[in-house]
Protein backbone atom coordinates (compact mmCIF):
# COMPACT_ATOMS: atom_id res chain seq x y z
CA MET A 1 -0.26 0.18 -0.07
CA THR A 2 1.24 3.44 -0.81
CA LYS A 3 2.57 5.51 2.18
CA LYS A 4 1.98 9.28 2.64
CA VAL A 5 4.94 11.35 3.16
CA ILE A 6 5.05 15.05 3.79
CA VAL A 7 8.30 17.13 3.59
CA LEU A 8 8.12 20.19 5.95
CA GLY A 9 10.24 22.84 4.14
CA ALA A 10 10.81 23.31 0.24
CA GLY A 11 14.28 24.71 0.35
CA LEU A 12 17.56 23.60 -1.15
CA VAL A 13 17.51 20.06 0.84
CA GLY A 14 13.64 19.90 1.20
CA TYR A 15 13.03 19.65 -2.35
CA PRO A 16 15.80 16.96 -3.55
CA MET A 17 14.29 14.57 -0.73
CA ALA A 18 10.75 15.12 -1.89
CA MET A 19 11.95 14.46 -5.48
CA ASP A 20 14.15 11.22 -4.08
CA LEU A 21 10.64 9.79 -2.29
CA ALA A 22 8.53 10.81 -5.31
CA ALA A 23 10.79 8.76 -7.71
CA ASP A 24 9.69 5.78 -5.42
CA SER A 25 6.48 3.96 -6.20
CA GLU A 26 6.08 3.15 -2.46
CA PHE A 27 5.27 6.88 -1.79
CA GLU A 28 3.02 9.64 -2.29
CA VAL A 29 4.76 12.59 -1.75
CA THR A 30 3.77 16.54 -0.43
CA ILE A 31 5.65 19.10 0.13
CA ALA A 32 4.74 22.10 2.45
CA ASP A 33 5.84 25.58 3.13
CA ILE A 34 5.06 29.10 3.83
CA ASP A 35 6.71 30.46 0.68
CA GLN A 36 4.74 30.13 -2.18
CA ASN A 37 7.30 31.31 -4.68
CA LYS A 38 9.59 28.01 -3.33
CA LEU A 39 6.55 25.94 -4.08
CA ASN A 40 5.96 27.53 -7.64
CA ASN A 41 9.49 26.39 -8.50
CA ILE A 42 8.86 22.85 -7.93
CA SER A 43 8.54 21.33 -11.43
CA ASP A 44 8.15 17.60 -10.66
CA SER A 45 4.63 16.92 -11.13
CA ARG A 46 4.58 13.73 -8.90
CA ILE A 47 4.73 16.36 -5.83
CA ASN A 48 1.88 17.74 -4.32
CA ARG A 49 2.44 21.13 -2.87
CA ILE A 50 0.76 23.08 0.19
CA GLN A 51 1.26 26.66 1.34
CA SER A 52 1.21 26.34 5.03
CA ASP A 53 2.62 28.25 8.21
CA LEU A 54 4.33 25.65 9.93
CA ARG A 55 4.94 27.48 12.93
CA ASP A 56 1.23 27.38 13.80
CA LYS A 57 0.58 24.63 15.77
CA ASP A 58 -3.05 23.93 15.16
CA SER A 59 -3.01 24.27 11.42
CA LEU A 60 0.19 22.03 11.38
CA ILE A 61 -1.23 19.24 13.33
CA LYS A 62 -4.45 19.23 11.00
CA LEU A 63 -2.00 19.62 8.11
CA LEU A 64 -0.43 16.23 9.08
CA ALA A 65 -3.61 14.36 9.61
CA PRO A 66 -3.50 12.26 6.44
CA PHE A 67 -0.04 11.53 6.36
CA ASP A 68 2.12 8.38 7.47
CA PHE A 69 5.44 9.86 7.76
CA VAL A 70 6.82 13.38 7.96
CA ILE A 71 10.39 14.69 7.00
CA VAL A 72 11.27 18.07 8.98
CA ALA A 73 13.63 20.26 7.18
CA VAL A 74 12.63 23.64 8.34
CA PRO A 75 15.10 26.41 9.29
CA GLY A 76 16.63 25.71 12.88
CA PHE A 77 15.15 28.67 14.75
CA MET A 78 11.70 26.90 14.09
CA GLY A 79 13.07 23.12 13.90
CA TYR A 80 12.22 22.25 17.87
CA ASP A 81 8.68 23.46 18.28
CA CYS A 82 7.94 21.94 14.76
CA LEU A 83 9.39 18.76 15.60
CA LYS A 84 7.23 18.79 19.04
CA ASN A 85 3.91 19.60 16.76
CA CYS A 86 4.91 16.62 14.84
CA ILE A 87 5.12 14.06 17.54
CA THR A 88 1.96 15.48 18.97
CA ALA A 89 0.30 14.77 15.78
CA GLY A 90 1.15 11.28 16.22
CA LYS A 91 3.57 10.76 13.12
CA ASP A 92 6.62 8.76 12.52
CA ILE A 93 9.26 11.52 12.00
CA VAL A 94 12.75 12.03 10.15
CA ASP A 95 14.34 15.38 11.36
CA ILE A 96 17.20 17.12 9.78
CA ALA A 97 16.31 20.78 11.12
CA PHE A 98 19.58 22.10 13.27
CA TYR A 99 18.51 23.56 16.45
CA PRO A 100 20.14 24.54 19.61
CA GLU A 101 17.45 22.84 22.14
CA ASP A 102 18.10 19.40 23.37
CA VAL A 103 15.95 16.71 21.51
CA PHE A 104 15.63 14.34 24.28
CA ASP A 105 13.53 16.86 26.18
CA LEU A 106 11.20 15.49 23.62
CA SER A 107 11.57 11.94 24.71
CA GLY A 108 8.41 11.67 27.05
CA LEU A 109 6.20 13.12 24.55
CA ALA A 110 7.43 10.88 21.59
CA GLU A 111 7.06 7.75 23.80
CA ASP A 112 3.68 8.89 25.11
CA HIS A 113 2.48 9.00 21.54
CA LYS A 114 4.07 5.84 20.47
CA VAL A 115 5.99 7.39 17.42
CA ARG A 116 9.49 6.61 15.94
CA VAL A 117 11.61 9.81 15.68
CA ILE A 118 14.98 9.80 13.88
CA SER A 119 16.54 13.05 14.85
CA ASP A 120 19.38 14.78 13.21
CA MET A 121 19.52 12.42 10.37
CA GLY A 122 21.66 14.16 7.65
CA VAL A 123 25.15 13.87 7.02
CA ALA A 124 26.72 15.96 10.18
CA PRO A 125 25.07 15.52 12.49
CA GLY A 126 23.68 12.23 11.19
CA MET A 127 25.87 9.61 9.07
CA SER A 128 28.62 10.94 11.34
CA ASN A 129 26.67 10.05 14.59
CA LEU A 130 25.91 6.62 13.05
CA LEU A 131 29.18 5.54 11.84
CA THR A 132 30.71 6.80 15.14
CA GLY A 133 28.20 4.84 17.02
CA TYR A 134 29.11 1.97 15.04
CA ALA A 135 32.66 1.99 15.74
CA ALA A 136 32.45 2.81 19.33
CA SER A 137 30.39 -0.39 19.66
CA LYS A 138 33.39 -2.23 18.56
CA PHE A 139 35.45 -1.38 21.67
CA ASP A 140 35.73 -1.61 25.43
CA ILE A 141 36.96 1.67 25.61
CA VAL A 142 36.71 4.48 23.04
CA ARG A 143 39.82 6.94 23.29
CA THR A 144 39.15 9.20 20.63
CA VAL A 145 36.67 10.43 18.23
CA ASN A 146 37.83 13.14 15.58
CA ILE A 147 34.99 13.98 12.82
CA TYR A 148 36.08 16.67 10.45
CA VAL A 149 33.62 17.83 8.00
CA GLY A 150 32.91 20.57 5.39
CA GLY A 151 30.64 21.55 2.59
CA LEU A 152 32.92 23.72 -0.12
CA PRO A 153 32.61 25.32 -3.65
CA LYS A 154 34.57 23.18 -6.10
CA ILE A 155 35.98 26.13 -7.67
CA ARG A 156 37.29 28.52 -5.24
CA THR A 157 36.64 32.16 -5.47
CA LYS A 158 37.88 35.09 -3.38
CA PRO A 159 37.85 36.53 -0.94
CA TRP A 160 35.63 33.81 0.64
CA GLU A 161 36.03 30.57 -1.27
CA TYR A 162 33.04 29.36 0.31
CA LYS A 163 29.61 28.79 -0.83
CA ALA A 164 26.42 27.39 1.21
CA VAL A 165 23.13 25.63 0.55
CA PHE A 166 21.79 26.87 4.06
CA SER A 167 20.68 30.31 4.87
CA PRO A 168 23.52 32.63 5.94
CA SER A 169 22.28 32.80 9.66
CA ASP A 170 22.34 29.11 10.26
CA VAL A 171 26.11 29.28 8.89
CA ILE A 172 27.01 32.03 11.32
CA GLU A 173 25.46 30.35 14.15
CA GLU A 174 28.03 27.53 13.69
CA TYR A 175 30.65 30.29 14.12
CA THR A 176 29.41 32.12 16.96
CA ARG A 177 28.22 29.36 19.27
CA PRO A 178 30.93 28.01 21.94
CA ALA A 179 32.09 24.53 20.76
CA ARG A 180 31.61 21.66 23.14
CA ILE A 181 34.01 19.07 23.05
CA ILE A 182 35.42 16.11 25.31
CA ARG A 183 38.58 16.24 26.74
CA ASN A 184 39.84 13.94 29.30
CA GLY A 185 36.39 12.16 29.62
CA GLN A 186 34.66 15.84 30.54
CA ILE A 187 32.44 18.15 28.62
CA VAL A 188 34.31 21.30 28.31
CA THR A 189 33.64 24.68 26.29
CA VAL A 190 36.32 25.97 23.63
CA PRO A 191 35.66 29.07 21.30
CA PRO A 192 34.67 28.47 17.92
CA LEU A 193 37.01 28.74 14.75
CA THR A 194 40.01 27.82 17.19
CA GLU A 195 42.67 24.99 17.52
CA GLN A 196 43.14 25.38 13.63
CA GLU A 197 44.73 22.43 11.79
CA TYR A 198 45.54 21.51 8.47
CA ILE A 199 44.62 18.23 6.90
CA ASP A 200 45.08 16.62 3.49
CA PHE A 201 42.35 14.89 1.69
CA ASP A 202 42.44 12.88 -1.58
CA ASN A 203 40.54 14.90 -4.47
CA VAL A 204 40.71 18.25 -2.61
CA GLY A 205 44.00 18.72 -1.13
CA THR A 206 45.04 20.45 2.06
CA LEU A 207 42.04 21.89 4.11
CA GLU A 208 41.93 24.05 7.30
CA ALA A 209 39.64 22.60 10.07
CA PHE A 210 38.56 24.31 13.34
CA ASN A 211 36.21 24.03 16.32
CA SER A 212 32.61 23.96 15.86
CA ASP A 213 29.62 22.81 18.16
CA GLY A 214 28.67 19.80 16.21
CA LEU A 215 28.80 16.92 18.39
CA ARG A 216 25.42 17.52 20.07
CA SER A 217 24.00 14.08 21.20
CA LEU A 218 27.49 12.34 20.79
CA LEU A 219 28.53 14.35 23.78
CA PHE A 220 26.25 12.36 26.16
CA THR A 221 25.53 9.14 24.30
CA VAL A 222 29.27 7.76 23.42
CA LYS A 223 31.50 7.53 26.29
CA ALA A 224 35.25 8.85 24.99
CA GLU A 225 37.94 9.85 26.68
CA ASN A 226 38.75 12.73 23.79
CA MET A 227 36.08 13.81 21.06
CA ILE A 228 35.85 16.81 18.62
CA GLU A 229 33.94 17.85 15.74
CA LYS A 230 35.96 20.37 13.40
CA THR A 231 34.21 22.39 10.27
CA LEU A 232 36.61 21.79 6.98
CA ARG A 233 37.12 25.08 4.88
CA TYR A 234 39.81 26.08 2.51
CA PRO A 235 42.86 27.54 4.29
CA GLY A 236 42.65 30.93 5.74
CA TYR A 237 38.80 30.97 5.92
CA ALA A 238 38.55 30.89 9.88
CA ASN A 239 40.81 33.96 10.31
CA LYS A 240 38.34 36.02 7.88
CA ILE A 241 35.25 34.72 9.93
CA GLN A 242 37.29 35.81 13.12
CA LEU A 243 37.78 39.27 12.18
CA LEU A 244 34.11 39.74 11.32
CA SER A 245 33.01 38.41 14.69
CA ASP A 246 35.74 40.64 16.55
CA ASN A 247 34.33 43.62 15.23
CA GLY A 248 30.74 42.90 15.89
CA PHE A 249 29.36 41.95 12.82
CA PHE A 250 27.42 38.97 14.32
CA ASN A 251 26.05 40.73 17.08
CA THR A 252 22.45 40.45 17.75
CA GLU A 253 21.49 43.84 19.63
CA LYS A 254 20.00 46.22 17.28
CA VAL A 255 22.00 49.79 16.74
CA ASP A 256 20.93 53.04 15.35
CA VAL A 257 22.08 53.75 11.80
CA ASP A 258 20.62 56.99 10.37
CA GLY A 259 17.49 56.57 12.38
CA ASN A 260 17.09 53.07 11.34
CA MET A 261 17.50 50.01 14.06
CA ILE A 262 19.31 47.22 12.54
CA SER A 263 20.90 44.12 13.76
CA PRO A 264 24.62 43.75 12.64
CA LEU A 265 23.75 39.88 12.29
CA ASP A 266 20.84 40.63 9.97
CA LEU A 267 22.79 42.88 8.02
CA THR A 268 25.69 40.58 7.50
CA SER A 269 23.63 37.72 6.74
CA LYS A 270 21.91 39.80 4.20
CA LEU A 271 25.45 41.04 2.69
CA LEU A 272 26.79 37.28 2.83
CA PHE A 273 23.74 35.99 1.19
CA ASP A 274 24.50 36.91 -2.18
CA ASN A 275 28.24 36.29 -1.64
CA TRP A 276 27.66 32.75 -0.20
CA LYS A 277 24.81 31.61 -2.21
CA LEU A 278 25.45 28.34 -4.61
CA GLY A 279 24.68 29.24 -8.33
CA GLU A 280 21.89 26.86 -9.78
CA ASN A 281 24.39 25.02 -11.51
CA GLU A 282 27.55 25.89 -9.37
CA HIS A 283 29.25 22.72 -8.27
CA ASP A 284 30.07 22.03 -4.80
CA ILE A 285 31.71 19.18 -2.97
CA THR A 286 31.56 17.46 0.51
CA VAL A 287 34.29 16.18 2.62
CA MET A 288 34.09 14.37 5.66
CA ARG A 289 36.43 11.89 7.80
CA ILE A 290 35.51 10.31 10.91
CA MET A 291 38.21 8.52 13.13
CA VAL A 292 37.60 6.27 16.18
CA GLU A 293 40.16 4.56 18.17
CA GLY A 294 39.68 2.22 20.78
CA ILE A 295 40.67 -0.60 22.63
CA LYS A 296 39.14 -4.12 22.30
CA ASP A 297 40.53 -6.93 24.24
CA GLU A 298 43.43 -5.00 25.24
CA VAL A 299 44.34 -4.49 21.28
CA THR A 300 43.85 -0.74 20.19
CA LYS A 301 42.17 -0.23 16.44
CA ARG A 302 41.15 2.68 14.55
CA TYR A 303 38.14 2.59 12.25
CA THR A 304 38.24 5.58 9.46
CA PHE A 305 35.44 6.60 7.47
CA ASP A 306 35.95 9.04 4.67
CA LEU A 307 33.56 10.70 2.10
CA PHE A 308 33.98 12.57 -0.63
CA ASP A 309 30.87 13.61 -2.90
CA GLU A 310 30.32 16.45 -5.67
CA TYR A 311 27.57 18.14 -7.09
CA CYS A 312 25.56 15.44 -9.52
CA THR A 313 25.53 16.57 -13.06
CA GLU A 314 22.70 14.25 -13.99
CA THR A 315 20.15 15.56 -11.41
CA CYS A 316 21.79 19.40 -10.96
CA ILE A 317 21.45 18.82 -7.30
CA HIS A 318 24.05 20.00 -5.14
CA SER A 319 26.47 17.84 -2.79
CA MET A 320 25.27 19.17 0.67
CA ALA A 321 21.54 18.64 -0.36
CA ARG A 322 22.40 14.89 -1.82
CA THR A 323 24.37 14.01 1.40
CA THR A 324 22.11 15.59 3.81
CA GLY A 325 19.10 14.82 2.40
CA TYR A 326 19.46 11.24 0.98
CA SER A 327 20.75 10.28 4.36
CA ALA A 328 17.18 11.36 5.74
CA THR A 329 15.18 9.97 2.89
CA THR A 330 17.09 6.68 3.59
CA ALA A 331 16.23 6.66 7.07
CA LEU A 332 12.45 7.34 6.30
CA ARG A 333 12.80 3.97 3.90
CA LEU A 334 14.22 2.18 7.04
CA LEU A 335 11.12 3.35 8.89
CA ALA A 336 8.75 2.56 6.12
CA GLN A 337 9.83 -0.98 5.70
CA ASP A 338 9.85 -1.59 9.67
CA LYS A 339 13.66 -2.04 9.99
CA TYR A 340 13.84 0.16 12.72
CA ASN A 341 11.08 -0.04 15.27
CA LYS A 342 12.30 1.82 18.15
CA THR A 343 9.91 4.35 19.74
CA GLY A 344 10.66 7.55 20.92
CA ILE A 345 13.61 9.71 20.31
CA SER A 346 16.66 8.33 18.34
CA VAL A 347 19.53 9.82 16.82
CA GLY A 348 22.44 8.15 14.70
CA GLU A 349 24.76 6.58 17.01
CA MET A 350 22.08 4.71 18.69
CA MET A 351 21.12 3.34 15.39
CA GLY A 352 24.58 2.38 14.57
CA THR A 353 24.89 -0.16 17.14
CA ASP A 354 22.75 -2.33 14.95
CA GLU A 355 24.98 -3.54 12.16
CA SER A 356 21.83 -4.36 9.85
CA VAL A 357 20.84 -0.59 10.01
CA VAL A 358 24.02 0.59 9.39
CA ASP A 359 24.24 -1.95 6.44
CA PHE A 360 20.94 -0.64 5.23
CA MET A 361 21.90 3.13 5.29
CA LEU A 362 25.19 2.47 3.38
CA LYS A 363 23.89 0.38 1.15
CA GLY A 364 20.88 3.11 0.32
CA LEU A 365 23.22 5.76 -0.02
CA SER A 366 25.65 3.82 -2.14
CA GLU A 367 22.90 3.42 -4.72
CA LYS A 368 23.14 7.07 -5.18
CA GLY A 369 26.53 7.47 -5.59
CA ILE A 370 27.07 8.66 -1.95
CA ILE A 371 30.16 6.17 -1.18
CA TYR A 372 31.57 6.03 2.79
CA ASN A 373 34.96 4.55 2.62
CA MET A 374 36.24 2.40 5.81
CA THR A 375 39.46 1.55 6.84
CA GLU A 376 40.81 -0.51 9.90
CA GLU A 377 44.07 0.17 11.37
CA LEU A 378 45.91 -2.13 13.82
CA PRO A 379 48.42 -1.00 16.50
CA GLY A 380 51.47 -1.41 14.17
CA LYS A 381 49.75 1.29 11.69
CA LEU A 382 49.00 3.73 14.23
């Protein structure tokens, strides 16, 4: 029987997810957004379109009534409340909204409504969590977890050498929120953009890595002696962003400019949007490396997972949309086929302890050309 799916959010990731599911005869797909212009740009006739204010609880719950599954792909500032309302509607959910709130605060609500929620199921967080959880489950002691991830333009253009498929305000949030990491078994906070290092990657060359607050649930679910997540950019990028931050360009408090009250952050976001926006056919790449080292039966081993993905010329879908969106749609297929039946809130690392789930996710992504290469290293090679 055809299953009804609704994607909440018709942005640069929401639309490709809807297209992917609509190509599968198993699903009848609808996409909803408050922006009619975004809906008008959807040319795929297999996708139903609904204009709706997804921030309104009552109208959202009414909207969701006929659907079996929901994918939450709204901006981070409204993600938590949107997810909460979807749970209240009693729907199974895959969530990729990046919000600062603790998703586990909704555990009781999800259990009460007996729904399955897979949260933070993109590329990072998402697959980074799943593969970290998989590797960590192989060890008696987890010594280090190092995650490096970044979305970049394939062609470097001065001055930023950066492009984004997400809104600039969401990207800037990554540069301003203090980064939580694990050091010597304890959660500590370090400034974002700090502890820069340079790492070489096949197909790309040397990239710059700096602290960002991307570990999220991993801070509490995986017991490791040391754990970091760092953002990858072309060398020199972090210093440019730090200069803006140090001079108040990301401040949220409004200032008077010729009688107009303006937030520096809003102005900066507006100015950067044109500089950072990926062009329709502009190619991007996604690079990720996950390194998990631990001890099993007194033997030290390291698992490394490497991802390199790029813009798909066949579908004209950006790499960050592919790696994020297809992770979510593969997880939705996992739910639709009843291959993951835990009710309540789940995150990637919880799913990663089940090897059949990991195999399902990796196989589904590989069918779309998204390949995670795994290597195992023993003490003699560490």
